[in-house]
Amino acid sequence: MHLSEEIGSRLQEERKRCGMTQAEIADAIGVVKRTQANYEAGTSDAPAPYLSKVASQFGFDVPYILTGVRTNLAESALSEIEDCLIKQFRSISEEDQKAIRRFLEAMADDAARHRS
């Protein structure tokens, strides 16, 4: 397998990890579906602006796509809602943060009991 094909295969893997179709990614990024298919097949190389967009919009692990080595960023990438919650959490007092942690622990414990 050539490098372009390996990169394309990893690009496809990241798209599938996000649960999206080629058409959905293409539409969101502003390319035609055939271009997306070519990137994933390795018949065309994805340019830097495209990779930047899929990283910022969908959390694609671009270093992984290019090198085959996972970064911690993709594993810990936050959704927009999670990022917003963390910012809000950081903006409140330490006492309120403790109260929220206690509340979340109680909810997690309750969820665990219901799964058992």
PDB file of N, CA and C in Angstrom:
ATOM      1  N   MET A   1       0.860  -1.180   0.000  1.00  0.00           N
ATOM      2  CA  MET A   1       0.000   0.000   0.000  1.00  0.00           C
ATOM      3  C   MET A   1       0.900   1.235   0.000  1.00  0.00           C
ATOM      4  N   HIS A   2       0.589   2.193  -0.845  1.00  0.00           N
ATOM      5  CA  HIS A   2       1.348   3.438  -0.937  1.00  0.00           C
ATOM      6  C   HIS A   2       0.941   4.386   0.193  1.00  0.00           C
ATOM      7  N   LEU A   3       1.798   5.360   0.466  1.00  0.00           N
ATOM      8  CA  LEU A   3       1.546   6.313   1.547  1.00  0.00           C
ATOM      9  C   LEU A   3       0.201   7.022   1.369  1.00  0.00           C
ATOM     10  N   SER A   4      -0.111   7.459   0.145  1.00  0.00           N
ATOM     11  CA  SER A   4      -1.391   8.147  -0.084  1.00  0.00           C
ATOM     12  C   SER A   4      -2.573   7.248   0.252  1.00  0.00           C
ATOM     13  N   GLU A   5      -2.451   5.966  -0.058  1.00  0.00           N
ATOM     14  CA  GLU A   5      -3.526   5.026   0.258  1.00  0.00           C
ATOM     15  C   GLU A   5      -3.642   4.811   1.762  1.00  0.00           C
ATOM     16  N   GLU A   6      -2.502   4.752   2.458  1.00  0.00           N
ATOM     17  CA  GLU A   6      -2.519   4.596   3.911  1.00  0.00           C
ATOM     18  C   GLU A   6      -3.177   5.810   4.569  1.00  0.00           C
ATOM     19  N   ILE A   7      -2.815   6.993   4.102  1.00  0.00           N
ATOM     20  CA  ILE A   7      -3.414   8.220   4.633  1.00  0.00           C
ATOM     21  C   ILE A   7      -4.915   8.221   4.356  1.00  0.00           C
ATOM     22  N   GLY A   8      -5.290   7.839   3.148  1.00  0.00           N
ATOM     23  CA  GLY A   8      -6.702   7.768   2.788  1.00  0.00           C
ATOM     24  C   GLY A   8      -7.471   6.788   3.650  1.00  0.00           C
ATOM     25  N   SER A   9      -6.857   5.654   3.926  1.00  0.00           N
ATOM     26  CA  SER A   9      -7.493   4.641   4.762  1.00  0.00           C
ATOM     27  C   SER A   9      -7.716   5.160   6.176  1.00  0.00           C
ATOM     28  N   ARG A  10      -6.726   5.869   6.711  1.00  0.00           N
ATOM     29  CA  ARG A  10      -6.882   6.432   8.064  1.00  0.00           C
ATOM     30  C   ARG A  10      -7.902   7.572   8.077  1.00  0.00           C
ATOM     31  N   LEU A  11      -7.955   8.331   6.996  1.00  0.00           N
ATOM     32  CA  LEU A  11      -8.958   9.388   6.871  1.00  0.00           C
ATOM     33  C   LEU A  11     -10.359   8.767   6.895  1.00  0.00           C
ATOM     34  N   GLN A  12     -10.525   7.684   6.166  1.00  0.00           N
ATOM     35  CA  GLN A  12     -11.801   6.968   6.162  1.00  0.00           C
ATOM     36  C   GLN A  12     -12.128   6.428   7.558  1.00  0.00           C
ATOM     37  N   GLU A  13     -11.130   5.901   8.236  1.00  0.00           N
ATOM     38  CA  GLU A  13     -11.319   5.386   9.588  1.00  0.00           C
ATOM     39  C   GLU A  13     -11.813   6.487  10.530  1.00  0.00           C
ATOM     40  N   GLU A  14     -11.219   7.663  10.439  1.00  0.00           N
ATOM     41  CA  GLU A  14     -11.637   8.783  11.293  1.00  0.00           C
ATOM     42  C   GLU A  14     -13.069   9.206  10.956  1.00  0.00           C
ATOM     43  N   ARG A  15     -13.411   9.223   9.673  1.00  0.00           N
ATOM     44  CA  ARG A  15     -14.777   9.583   9.276  1.00  0.00           C
ATOM     45  C   ARG A  15     -15.768   8.582   9.856  1.00  0.00           C
ATOM     46  N   LYS A  16     -15.462   7.307   9.752  1.00  0.00           N
ATOM     47  CA  LYS A  16     -16.365   6.281  10.271  1.00  0.00           C
ATOM     48  C   LYS A  16     -16.455   6.351  11.793  1.00  0.00           C
ATOM     49  N   ARG A  17     -15.346   6.680  12.453  1.00  0.00           N
ATOM     50  CA  ARG A  17     -15.349   6.831  13.907  1.00  0.00           C
ATOM     51  C   ARG A  17     -16.360   7.898  14.322  1.00  0.00           C
ATOM     52  N   CYS A  18     -16.512   8.921  13.480  1.00  0.00           N
ATOM     53  CA  CYS A  18     -17.475   9.991  13.761  1.00  0.00           C
ATOM     54  C   CYS A  18     -18.891   9.616  13.334  1.00  0.00           C
ATOM     55  N   GLY A  19     -19.043   8.455  12.684  1.00  0.00           N
ATOM     56  CA  GLY A  19     -20.364   8.006  12.264  1.00  0.00           C
ATOM     57  C   GLY A  19     -20.941   8.814  11.122  1.00  0.00           C
ATOM     58  N   MET A  20     -20.076   9.297  10.242  1.00  0.00           N
ATOM     59  CA  MET A  20     -20.535  10.134   9.136  1.00  0.00           C
ATOM     60  C   MET A  20     -20.270   9.460   7.793  1.00  0.00           C
ATOM     61  N   THR A  21     -21.080   9.833   6.817  1.00  0.00           N
ATOM     62  CA  THR A  21     -20.883   9.341   5.459  1.00  0.00           C
ATOM     63  C   THR A  21     -19.927  10.273   4.714  1.00  0.00           C
ATOM     64  N   GLN A  22     -19.448   9.792   3.579  1.00  0.00           N
ATOM     65  CA  GLN A  22     -18.606  10.649   2.739  1.00  0.00           C
ATOM     66  C   GLN A  22     -19.360  11.909   2.331  1.00  0.00           C
ATOM     67  N   ALA A  23     -20.629  11.755   1.986  1.00  0.00           N
ATOM     68  CA  ALA A  23     -21.430  12.905   1.561  1.00  0.00           C
ATOM     69  C   ALA A  23     -21.593  13.921   2.686  1.00  0.00           C
ATOM     70  N   GLU A  24     -21.801  13.452   3.904  1.00  0.00           N
ATOM     71  CA  GLU A  24     -21.977  14.361   5.043  1.00  0.00           C
ATOM     72  C   GLU A  24     -20.698  15.150   5.324  1.00  0.00           C
ATOM     73  N   ILE A  25     -19.562  14.460   5.308  1.00  0.00           N
ATOM     74  CA  ILE A  25     -18.288  15.148   5.533  1.00  0.00           C
ATOM     75  C   ILE A  25     -18.034  16.138   4.411  1.00  0.00           C
ATOM     76  N   ALA A  26     -18.212  15.692   3.183  1.00  0.00           N
ATOM     77  CA  ALA A  26     -17.963  16.555   2.021  1.00  0.00           C
ATOM     78  C   ALA A  26     -18.813  17.820   2.091  1.00  0.00           C
ATOM     79  N   ASP A  27     -20.084  17.656   2.398  1.00  0.00           N
ATOM     80  CA  ASP A  27     -20.989  18.797   2.474  1.00  0.00           C
ATOM     81  C   ASP A  27     -20.564  19.762   3.579  1.00  0.00           C
ATOM     82  N   ALA A  28     -20.226  19.227   4.737  1.00  0.00           N
ATOM     83  CA  ALA A  28     -19.838  20.068   5.877  1.00  0.00           C
ATOM     84  C   ALA A  28     -18.535  20.816   5.631  1.00  0.00           C
ATOM     85  N   ILE A  29     -17.620  20.197   4.909  1.00  0.00           N
ATOM     86  CA  ILE A  29     -16.307  20.792   4.671  1.00  0.00           C
ATOM     87  C   ILE A  29     -16.298  21.669   3.420  1.00  0.00           C
ATOM     88  N   GLY A  30     -17.252  21.439   2.536  1.00  0.00           N
ATOM     89  CA  GLY A  30     -17.324  22.261   1.326  1.00  0.00           C
ATOM     90  C   GLY A  30     -16.604  21.681   0.129  1.00  0.00           C
ATOM     91  N   VAL A  31     -16.554  20.339   0.066  1.00  0.00           N
ATOM     92  CA  VAL A  31     -16.020  19.678  -1.123  1.00  0.00           C
ATOM     93  C   VAL A  31     -17.110  18.776  -1.682  1.00  0.00           C
ATOM     94  N   VAL A  32     -16.939  18.318  -2.907  1.00  0.00           N
ATOM     95  CA  VAL A  32     -17.923  17.390  -3.467  1.00  0.00           C
ATOM     96  C   VAL A  32     -17.617  15.985  -2.969  1.00  0.00           C
ATOM     97  N   LYS A  33     -18.625  15.130  -2.979  1.00  0.00           N
ATOM     98  CA  LYS A  33     -18.474  13.766  -2.466  1.00  0.00           C
ATOM     99  C   LYS A  33     -17.349  13.029  -3.186  1.00  0.00           C
ATOM    100  N   ARG A  34     -17.208  13.244  -4.465  1.00  0.00           N
ATOM    101  CA  ARG A  34     -16.159  12.557  -5.242  1.00  0.00           C
ATOM    102  C   ARG A  34     -14.771  12.944  -4.723  1.00  0.00           C
ATOM    103  N   THR A  35     -14.598  14.199  -4.348  1.00  0.00           N
ATOM    104  CA  THR A  35     -13.315  14.643  -3.792  1.00  0.00           C
ATOM    105  C   THR A  35     -13.035  13.912  -2.495  1.00  0.00           C
ATOM    106  N   GLN A  36     -14.048  13.818  -1.623  1.00  0.00           N
ATOM    107  CA  GLN A  36     -13.900  13.083  -0.368  1.00  0.00           C
ATOM    108  C   GLN A  36     -13.525  11.636  -0.653  1.00  0.00           C
ATOM    109  N   ALA A  37     -14.211  11.025  -1.602  1.00  0.00           N
ATOM    110  CA  ALA A  37     -13.925   9.632  -1.962  1.00  0.00           C
ATOM    111  C   ALA A  37     -12.484   9.490  -2.464  1.00  0.00           C
ATOM    112  N   ASN A  38     -12.020  10.457  -3.257  1.00  0.00           N
ATOM    113  CA  ASN A  38     -10.644  10.413  -3.760  1.00  0.00           C
ATOM    114  C   ASN A  38      -9.629  10.536  -2.628  1.00  0.00           C
ATOM    115  N   TYR A  39      -9.903  11.386  -1.661  1.00  0.00           N
ATOM    116  CA  TYR A  39      -9.009  11.515  -0.508  1.00  0.00           C
ATOM    117  C   TYR A  39      -8.913  10.181   0.225  1.00  0.00           C
ATOM    118  N   GLU A  40     -10.065   9.556   0.446  1.00  0.00           N
ATOM    119  CA  GLU A  40     -10.089   8.304   1.196  1.00  0.00           C
ATOM    120  C   GLU A  40      -9.486   7.142   0.407  1.00  0.00           C
ATOM    121  N   ALA A  41      -9.585   7.183  -0.893  1.00  0.00           N
ATOM    122  CA  ALA A  41      -9.005   6.125  -1.729  1.00  0.00           C
ATOM    123  C   ALA A  41      -7.503   6.320  -1.919  1.00  0.00           C
ATOM    124  N   GLY A  42      -7.021   7.521  -1.611  1.00  0.00           N
ATOM    125  CA  GLY A  42      -5.610   7.812  -1.799  1.00  0.00           C
ATOM    126  C   GLY A  42      -5.258   8.202  -3.216  1.00  0.00           C
ATOM    127  N   THR A  43      -6.272   8.461  -4.042  1.00  0.00           N
ATOM    128  CA  THR A  43      -6.000   8.888  -5.413  1.00  0.00           C
ATOM    129  C   THR A  43      -5.747  10.389  -5.491  1.00  0.00           C
ATOM    130  N   SER A  44      -6.142  11.110  -4.460  1.00  0.00           N
ATOM    131  CA  SER A  44      -5.839  12.533  -4.314  1.00  0.00           C
ATOM    132  C   SER A  44      -5.392  12.759  -2.883  1.00  0.00           C
ATOM    133  N   ASP A  45      -4.431  13.640  -2.702  1.00  0.00           N
ATOM    134  CA  ASP A  45      -3.975  13.966  -1.352  1.00  0.00           C
ATOM    135  C   ASP A  45      -4.822  15.090  -0.775  1.00  0.00           C
ATOM    136  N   ALA A  46      -5.264  14.906   0.458  1.00  0.00           N
ATOM    137  CA  ALA A  46      -6.060  15.925   1.138  1.00  0.00           C
ATOM    138  C   ALA A  46      -5.148  17.109   1.481  1.00  0.00           C
ATOM    139  N   PRO A  47      -5.526  18.326   1.064  1.00  0.00           N
ATOM    140  CA  PRO A  47      -4.689  19.496   1.356  1.00  0.00           C
ATOM    141  C   PRO A  47      -4.808  19.941   2.820  1.00  0.00           C
ATOM    142  N   ALA A  48      -3.855  20.711   3.252  1.00  0.00           N
ATOM    143  CA  ALA A  48      -3.810  21.186   4.644  1.00  0.00           C
ATOM    144  C   ALA A  48      -5.093  21.904   5.072  1.00  0.00           C
ATOM    145  N   PRO A  49      -5.676  22.805   4.251  1.00  0.00           N
ATOM    146  CA  PRO A  49      -6.907  23.470   4.705  1.00  0.00           C
ATOM    147  C   PRO A  49      -8.047  22.477   4.974  1.00  0.00           C
ATOM    148  N   TYR A  50      -8.125  21.435   4.172  1.00  0.00           N
ATOM    149  CA  TYR A  50      -9.143  20.399   4.390  1.00  0.00           C
ATOM    150  C   TYR A  50      -8.886  19.693   5.720  1.00  0.00           C
ATOM    151  N   LEU A  51      -7.639  19.283   5.948  1.00  0.00           N
ATOM    152  CA  LEU A  51      -7.293  18.581   7.192  1.00  0.00           C
ATOM    153  C   LEU A  51      -7.548  19.459   8.409  1.00  0.00           C
ATOM    154  N   SER A  52      -7.267  20.737   8.282  1.00  0.00           N
ATOM    155  CA  SER A  52      -7.523  21.664   9.379  1.00  0.00           C
ATOM    156  C   SER A  52      -9.014  21.727   9.691  1.00  0.00           C
ATOM    157  N   LYS A  53      -9.845  21.747   8.653  1.00  0.00           N
ATOM    158  CA  LYS A  53     -11.296  21.806   8.860  1.00  0.00           C
ATOM    159  C   LYS A  53     -11.841  20.544   9.514  1.00  0.00           C
ATOM    160  N   VAL A  54     -11.402  19.361   9.052  1.00  0.00           N
ATOM    161  CA  VAL A  54     -11.937  18.140   9.651  1.00  0.00           C
ATOM    162  C   VAL A  54     -11.453  17.972  11.089  1.00  0.00           C
ATOM    163  N   ALA A  55     -10.276  18.519  11.374  1.00  0.00           N
ATOM    164  CA  ALA A  55      -9.770  18.468  12.752  1.00  0.00           C
ATOM    165  C   ALA A  55     -10.603  19.370  13.656  1.00  0.00           C
ATOM    166  N   SER A  56     -10.855  20.598  13.204  1.00  0.00           N
ATOM    167  CA  SER A  56     -11.574  21.539  14.063  1.00  0.00           C
ATOM    168  C   SER A  56     -13.070  21.240  14.142  1.00  0.00           C
ATOM    169  N   GLN A  57     -13.673  20.791  13.044  1.00  0.00           N
ATOM    170  CA  GLN A  57     -15.120  20.557  13.058  1.00  0.00           C
ATOM    171  C   GLN A  57     -15.519  19.194  13.605  1.00  0.00           C
ATOM    172  N   PHE A  58     -14.663  18.191  13.401  1.00  0.00           N
ATOM    173  CA  PHE A  58     -15.058  16.832  13.773  1.00  0.00           C
ATOM    174  C   PHE A  58     -14.076  16.135  14.709  1.00  0.00           C
ATOM    175  N   GLY A  59     -12.994  16.800  15.055  1.00  0.00           N
ATOM    176  CA  GLY A  59     -12.030  16.203  15.967  1.00  0.00           C
ATOM    177  C   GLY A  59     -11.174  15.125  15.349  1.00  0.00           C
ATOM    178  N   PHE A  60     -11.019  15.133  14.018  1.00  0.00           N
ATOM    179  CA  PHE A  60     -10.149  14.147  13.380  1.00  0.00           C
ATOM    180  C   PHE A  60      -8.735  14.299  13.920  1.00  0.00           C
ATOM    181  N   ASP A  61      -8.074  13.191  14.139  1.00  0.00           N
ATOM    182  CA  ASP A  61      -6.700  13.156  14.629  1.00  0.00           C
ATOM    183  C   ASP A  61      -5.767  13.248  13.417  1.00  0.00           C
ATOM    184  N   VAL A  62      -5.428  14.468  13.020  1.00  0.00           N
ATOM    185  CA  VAL A  62      -4.632  14.683  11.812  1.00  0.00           C
ATOM    186  C   VAL A  62      -3.240  14.058  11.918  1.00  0.00           C
ATOM    187  N   PRO A  63      -2.539  14.184  13.055  1.00  0.00           N
ATOM    188  CA  PRO A  63      -1.248  13.478  13.129  1.00  0.00           C
ATOM    189  C   PRO A  63      -1.399  11.974  12.881  1.00  0.00           C
ATOM    190  N   TYR A  64      -2.473  11.380  13.392  1.00  0.00           N
ATOM    191  CA  TYR A  64      -2.718   9.961  13.143  1.00  0.00           C
ATOM    192  C   TYR A  64      -2.956   9.714  11.656  1.00  0.00           C
ATOM    193  N   ILE A  65      -3.778  10.553  11.038  1.00  0.00           N
ATOM    194  CA  ILE A  65      -4.062  10.393   9.614  1.00  0.00           C
ATOM    195  C   ILE A  65      -2.758  10.414   8.810  1.00  0.00           C
ATOM    196  N   LEU A  66      -1.868  11.323   9.147  1.00  0.00           N
ATOM    197  CA  LEU A  66      -0.634  11.490   8.380  1.00  0.00           C
ATOM    198  C   LEU A  66       0.453  10.471   8.719  1.00  0.00           C
ATOM    199  N   THR A  67       0.514  10.049   9.996  1.00  0.00           N
ATOM    200  CA  THR A  67       1.638   9.212  10.417  1.00  0.00           C
ATOM    201  C   THR A  67       1.254   7.807  10.856  1.00  0.00           C
ATOM    202  N   GLY A  68      -0.002   7.614  11.209  1.00  0.00           N
ATOM    203  CA  GLY A  68      -0.421   6.325  11.731  1.00  0.00           C
ATOM    204  C   GLY A  68      -0.213   6.196  13.228  1.00  0.00           C
ATOM    205  N   VAL A  69       0.226   7.281  13.882  1.00  0.00           N
ATOM    206  CA  VAL A  69       0.460   7.273  15.328  1.00  0.00           C
ATOM    207  C   VAL A  69      -0.599   8.147  15.989  1.00  0.00           C
ATOM    208  N   ARG A  70      -1.370   7.548  16.889  1.00  0.00           N
ATOM    209  CA  ARG A  70      -2.434   8.277  17.590  1.00  0.00           C
ATOM    210  C   ARG A  70      -1.856   9.305  18.546  1.00  0.00           C
ATOM    211  N   THR A  71      -2.556  10.414  18.669  1.00  0.00           N
ATOM    212  CA  THR A  71      -2.195  11.421  19.662  1.00  0.00           C
ATOM    213  C   THR A  71      -3.215  11.355  20.776  1.00  0.00           C
ATOM    214  N   ASN A  72      -2.875  11.901  21.915  1.00  0.00           N
ATOM    215  CA  ASN A  72      -3.816  11.957  23.025  1.00  0.00           C
ATOM    216  C   ASN A  72      -4.947  12.919  22.743  1.00  0.00           C
ATOM    217  N   LEU A  73      -4.720  13.887  21.859  1.00  0.00           N
ATOM    218  CA  LEU A  73      -5.726  14.893  21.551  1.00  0.00           C
ATOM    219  C   LEU A  73      -7.019  14.260  21.049  1.00  0.00           C
ATOM    220  N   ALA A  74      -6.923  13.357  20.114  1.00  0.00           N
ATOM    221  CA  ALA A  74      -8.138  12.768  19.559  1.00  0.00           C
ATOM    222  C   ALA A  74      -8.892  11.961  20.607  1.00  0.00           C
ATOM    223  N   GLU A  75      -8.152  11.276  21.479  1.00  0.00           N
ATOM    224  CA  GLU A  75      -8.800  10.469  22.495  1.00  0.00           C
ATOM    225  C   GLU A  75      -9.509  11.337  23.530  1.00  0.00           C
ATOM    226  N   SER A  76      -8.979  12.539  23.747  1.00  0.00           N
ATOM    227  CA  SER A  76      -9.567  13.383  24.777  1.00  0.00           C
ATOM    228  C   SER A  76     -10.317  14.573  24.191  1.00  0.00           C
ATOM    229  N   ALA A  77     -10.525  14.565  22.882  1.00  0.00           N
ATOM    230  CA  ALA A  77     -11.226  15.681  22.257  1.00  0.00           C
ATOM    231  C   ALA A  77     -12.628  15.805  22.853  1.00  0.00           C
ATOM    232  N   LEU A  78     -13.015  17.028  23.132  1.00  0.00           N
ATOM    233  CA  LEU A  78     -14.307  17.290  23.736  1.00  0.00           C
ATOM    234  C   LEU A  78     -15.307  17.754  22.697  1.00  0.00           C
ATOM    235  N   SER A  79     -16.553  17.399  22.903  1.00  0.00           N
ATOM    236  CA  SER A  79     -17.607  17.943  22.065  1.00  0.00           C
ATOM    237  C   SER A  79     -17.783  19.415  22.429  1.00  0.00           C
ATOM    238  N   GLU A  80     -18.518  20.125  21.633  1.00  0.00           N
ATOM    239  CA  GLU A  80     -18.772  21.539  21.899  1.00  0.00           C
ATOM    240  C   GLU A  80     -19.474  21.723  23.244  1.00  0.00           C
ATOM    241  N   ILE A  81     -20.424  20.842  23.543  1.00  0.00           N
ATOM    242  CA  ILE A  81     -21.161  20.923  24.800  1.00  0.00           C
ATOM    243  C   ILE A  81     -20.225  20.655  25.985  1.00  0.00           C
ATOM    244  N   GLU A  82     -19.375  19.609  25.860  1.00  0.00           N
ATOM    245  CA  GLU A  82     -18.443  19.294  26.941  1.00  0.00           C
ATOM    246  C   GLU A  82     -17.479  20.460  27.186  1.00  0.00           C
ATOM    247  N   ASP A  83     -16.981  21.045  26.109  1.00  0.00           N
ATOM    248  CA  ASP A  83     -16.076  22.182  26.233  1.00  0.00           C
ATOM    249  C   ASP A  83     -16.764  23.348  26.941  1.00  0.00           C
ATOM    250  N   CYS A  84     -18.006  23.609  26.582  1.00  0.00           N
ATOM    251  CA  CYS A  84     -18.779  24.689  27.205  1.00  0.00           C
ATOM    252  C   CYS A  84     -18.987  24.411  28.700  1.00  0.00           C
ATOM    253  N   LEU A  85     -19.319  23.162  29.032  1.00  0.00           N
ATOM    254  CA  LEU A  85     -19.520  22.806  30.437  1.00  0.00           C
ATOM    255  C   LEU A  85     -18.246  22.999  31.251  1.00  0.00           C
ATOM    256  N   ILE A  86     -17.120  22.622  30.690  1.00  0.00           N
ATOM    257  CA  ILE A  86     -15.851  22.782  31.410  1.00  0.00           C
ATOM    258  C   ILE A  86     -15.549  24.261  31.627  1.00  0.00           C
ATOM    259  N   LYS A  87     -15.781  25.084  30.621  1.00  0.00           N
ATOM    260  CA  LYS A  87     -15.551  26.530  30.776  1.00  0.00           C
ATOM    261  C   LYS A  87     -16.458  27.111  31.857  1.00  0.00           C
ATOM    262  N   GLN A  88     -17.718  26.680  31.857  1.00  0.00           N
ATOM    263  CA  GLN A  88     -18.637  27.163  32.872  1.00  0.00           C
ATOM    264  C   GLN A  88     -18.212  26.683  34.257  1.00  0.00           C
ATOM    265  N   PHE A  89     -17.820  25.425  34.370  1.00  0.00           N
ATOM    266  CA  PHE A  89     -17.370  24.859  35.638  1.00  0.00           C
ATOM    267  C   PHE A  89     -16.181  25.645  36.183  1.00  0.00           C
ATOM    268  N   ARG A  90     -15.248  25.973  35.321  1.00  0.00           N
ATOM    269  CA  ARG A  90     -14.055  26.706  35.743  1.00  0.00           C
ATOM    270  C   ARG A  90     -14.369  28.142  36.172  1.00  0.00           C
ATOM    271  N   SER A  91     -15.505  28.663  35.728  1.00  0.00           N
ATOM    272  CA  SER A  91     -15.832  30.054  36.036  1.00  0.00           C
ATOM    273  C   SER A  91     -16.546  30.227  37.384  1.00  0.00           C
ATOM    274  N   ILE A  92     -16.934  29.108  38.030  1.00  0.00           N
ATOM    275  CA  ILE A  92     -17.661  29.213  39.297  1.00  0.00           C
ATOM    276  C   ILE A  92     -16.719  28.998  40.475  1.00  0.00           C
ATOM    277  N   SER A  93     -17.213  29.295  41.656  1.00  0.00           N
ATOM    278  CA  SER A  93     -16.387  29.187  42.866  1.00  0.00           C
ATOM    279  C   SER A  93     -15.995  27.731  43.144  1.00  0.00           C
ATOM    280  N   GLU A  94     -14.940  27.587  43.926  1.00  0.00           N
ATOM    281  CA  GLU A  94     -14.482  26.242  44.296  1.00  0.00           C
ATOM    282  C   GLU A  94     -15.559  25.497  45.075  1.00  0.00           C
ATOM    283  N   GLU A  95     -16.276  26.206  45.925  1.00  0.00           N
ATOM    284  CA  GLU A  95     -17.352  25.590  46.699  1.00  0.00           C
ATOM    285  C   GLU A  95     -18.443  25.050  45.773  1.00  0.00           C
ATOM    286  N   ASP A  96     -18.825  25.833  44.760  1.00  0.00           N
ATOM    287  CA  ASP A  96     -19.830  25.371  43.809  1.00  0.00           C
ATOM    288  C   ASP A  96     -19.306  24.199  42.976  1.00  0.00           C
ATOM    289  N   GLN A  97     -18.016  24.224  42.652  1.00  0.00           N
ATOM    290  CA  GLN A  97     -17.421  23.112  41.912  1.00  0.00           C
ATOM    291  C   GLN A  97     -17.527  21.814  42.724  1.00  0.00           C
ATOM    292  N   LYS A  98     -17.263  21.907  44.025  1.00  0.00           N
ATOM    293  CA  LYS A  98     -17.364  20.730  44.892  1.00  0.00           C
ATOM    294  C   LYS A  98     -18.793  20.204  44.916  1.00  0.00           C
ATOM    295  N   ALA A  99     -19.763  21.107  44.975  1.00  0.00           N
ATOM    296  CA  ALA A  99     -21.172  20.697  44.990  1.00  0.00           C
ATOM    297  C   ALA A  99     -21.536  19.968  43.696  1.00  0.00           C
ATOM    298  N   ILE A 100     -21.054  20.483  42.585  1.00  0.00           N
ATOM    299  CA  ILE A 100     -21.334  19.836  41.294  1.00  0.00           C
ATOM    300  C   ILE A 100     -20.670  18.466  41.229  1.00  0.00           C
ATOM    301  N   ARG A 101     -19.446  18.347  41.729  1.00  0.00           N
ATOM    302  CA  ARG A 101     -18.768  17.043  41.737  1.00  0.00           C
ATOM    303  C   ARG A 101     -19.544  16.029  42.578  1.00  0.00           C
ATOM    304  N   ARG A 102     -20.035  16.464  43.734  1.00  0.00           N
ATOM    305  CA  ARG A 102     -20.831  15.565  44.577  1.00  0.00           C
ATOM    306  C   ARG A 102     -22.101  15.123  43.842  1.00  0.00           C
ATOM    307  N   PHE A 103     -22.753  16.066  43.180  1.00  0.00           N
ATOM    308  CA  PHE A 103     -23.971  15.763  42.424  1.00  0.00           C
ATOM    309  C   PHE A 103     -23.684  14.753  41.309  1.00  0.00           C
ATOM    310  N   LEU A 104     -22.613  14.969  40.555  1.00  0.00           N
ATOM    311  CA  LEU A 104     -22.266  14.063  39.458  1.00  0.00           C
ATOM    312  C   LEU A 104     -21.885  12.678  39.968  1.00  0.00           C
ATOM    313  N   GLU A 105     -21.167  12.637  41.082  1.00  0.00           N
ATOM    314  CA  GLU A 105     -20.817  11.341  41.674  1.00  0.00           C
ATOM    315  C   GLU A 105     -22.073  10.582  42.069  1.00  0.00           C
ATOM    316  N   ALA A 106     -23.052  11.278  42.657  1.00  0.00           N
ATOM    317  CA  ALA A 106     -24.310  10.637  43.046  1.00  0.00           C
ATOM    318  C   ALA A 106     -25.056  10.123  41.812  1.00  0.00           C
ATOM    319  N   MET A 107     -25.070  10.911  40.758  1.00  0.00           N
ATOM    320  CA  MET A 107     -25.741  10.479  39.522  1.00  0.00           C
ATOM    321  C   MET A 107     -25.035   9.267  38.917  1.00  0.00           C
ATOM    322  N   ALA A 108     -23.703   9.282  38.903  1.00  0.00           N
ATOM    323  CA  ALA A 108     -22.939   8.157  38.354  1.00  0.00           C
ATOM    324  C   ALA A 108     -23.179   6.887  39.173  1.00  0.00           C
ATOM    325  N   ASP A 109     -23.189   7.031  40.489  1.00  0.00           N
ATOM    326  CA  ASP A 109     -23.465   5.888  41.365  1.00  0.00           C
ATOM    327  C   ASP A 109     -24.851   5.321  41.092  1.00  0.00           C
ATOM    328  N   ASP A 110     -25.824   6.199  40.933  1.00  0.00           N
ATOM    329  CA  ASP A 110     -27.187   5.774  40.649  1.00  0.00           C
ATOM    330  C   ASP A 110     -27.257   5.042  39.300  1.00  0.00           C
ATOM    331  N   ALA A 111     -26.590   5.572  38.295  1.00  0.00           N
ATOM    332  CA  ALA A 111     -26.575   4.942  36.980  1.00  0.00           C
ATOM    333  C   ALA A 111     -25.924   3.569  37.056  1.00  0.00           C
ATOM    334  N   ALA A 112     -24.850   3.456  37.830  1.00  0.00           N
ATOM    335  CA  ALA A 112     -24.157   2.159  37.977  1.00  0.00           C
ATOM    336  C   ALA A 112     -25.063   1.133  38.642  1.00  0.00           C
ATOM    337  N   ARG A 113     -25.825   1.573  39.636  1.00  0.00           N
ATOM    338  CA  ARG A 113     -26.741   0.654  40.317  1.00  0.00           C
ATOM    339  C   ARG A 113     -27.815   0.141  39.353  1.00  0.00           C
ATOM    340  N   HIS A 114     -28.282   1.013  38.475  1.00  0.00           N
ATOM    341  CA  HIS A 114     -29.336   0.608  37.537  1.00  0.00           C
ATOM    342  C   HIS A 114     -28.809  -0.323  36.443  1.00  0.00           C
ATOM    343  N   ARG A 115     -27.517  -0.237  36.147  1.00  0.00           N
ATOM    344  CA  ARG A 115     -26.925  -1.120  35.133  1.00  0.00           C
ATOM    345  C   ARG A 115     -26.703  -2.526  35.690  1.00  0.00           C
ATOM    346  N   SER A 116     -26.537  -2.643  36.993  1.00  0.00           N
ATOM    347  CA  SER A 116     -26.218  -3.943  37.602  1.00  0.00           C
ATOM    348  C   SER A 116     -27.399  -4.859  37.634  1.00  0.00           C
TER     349      SER A 116
END
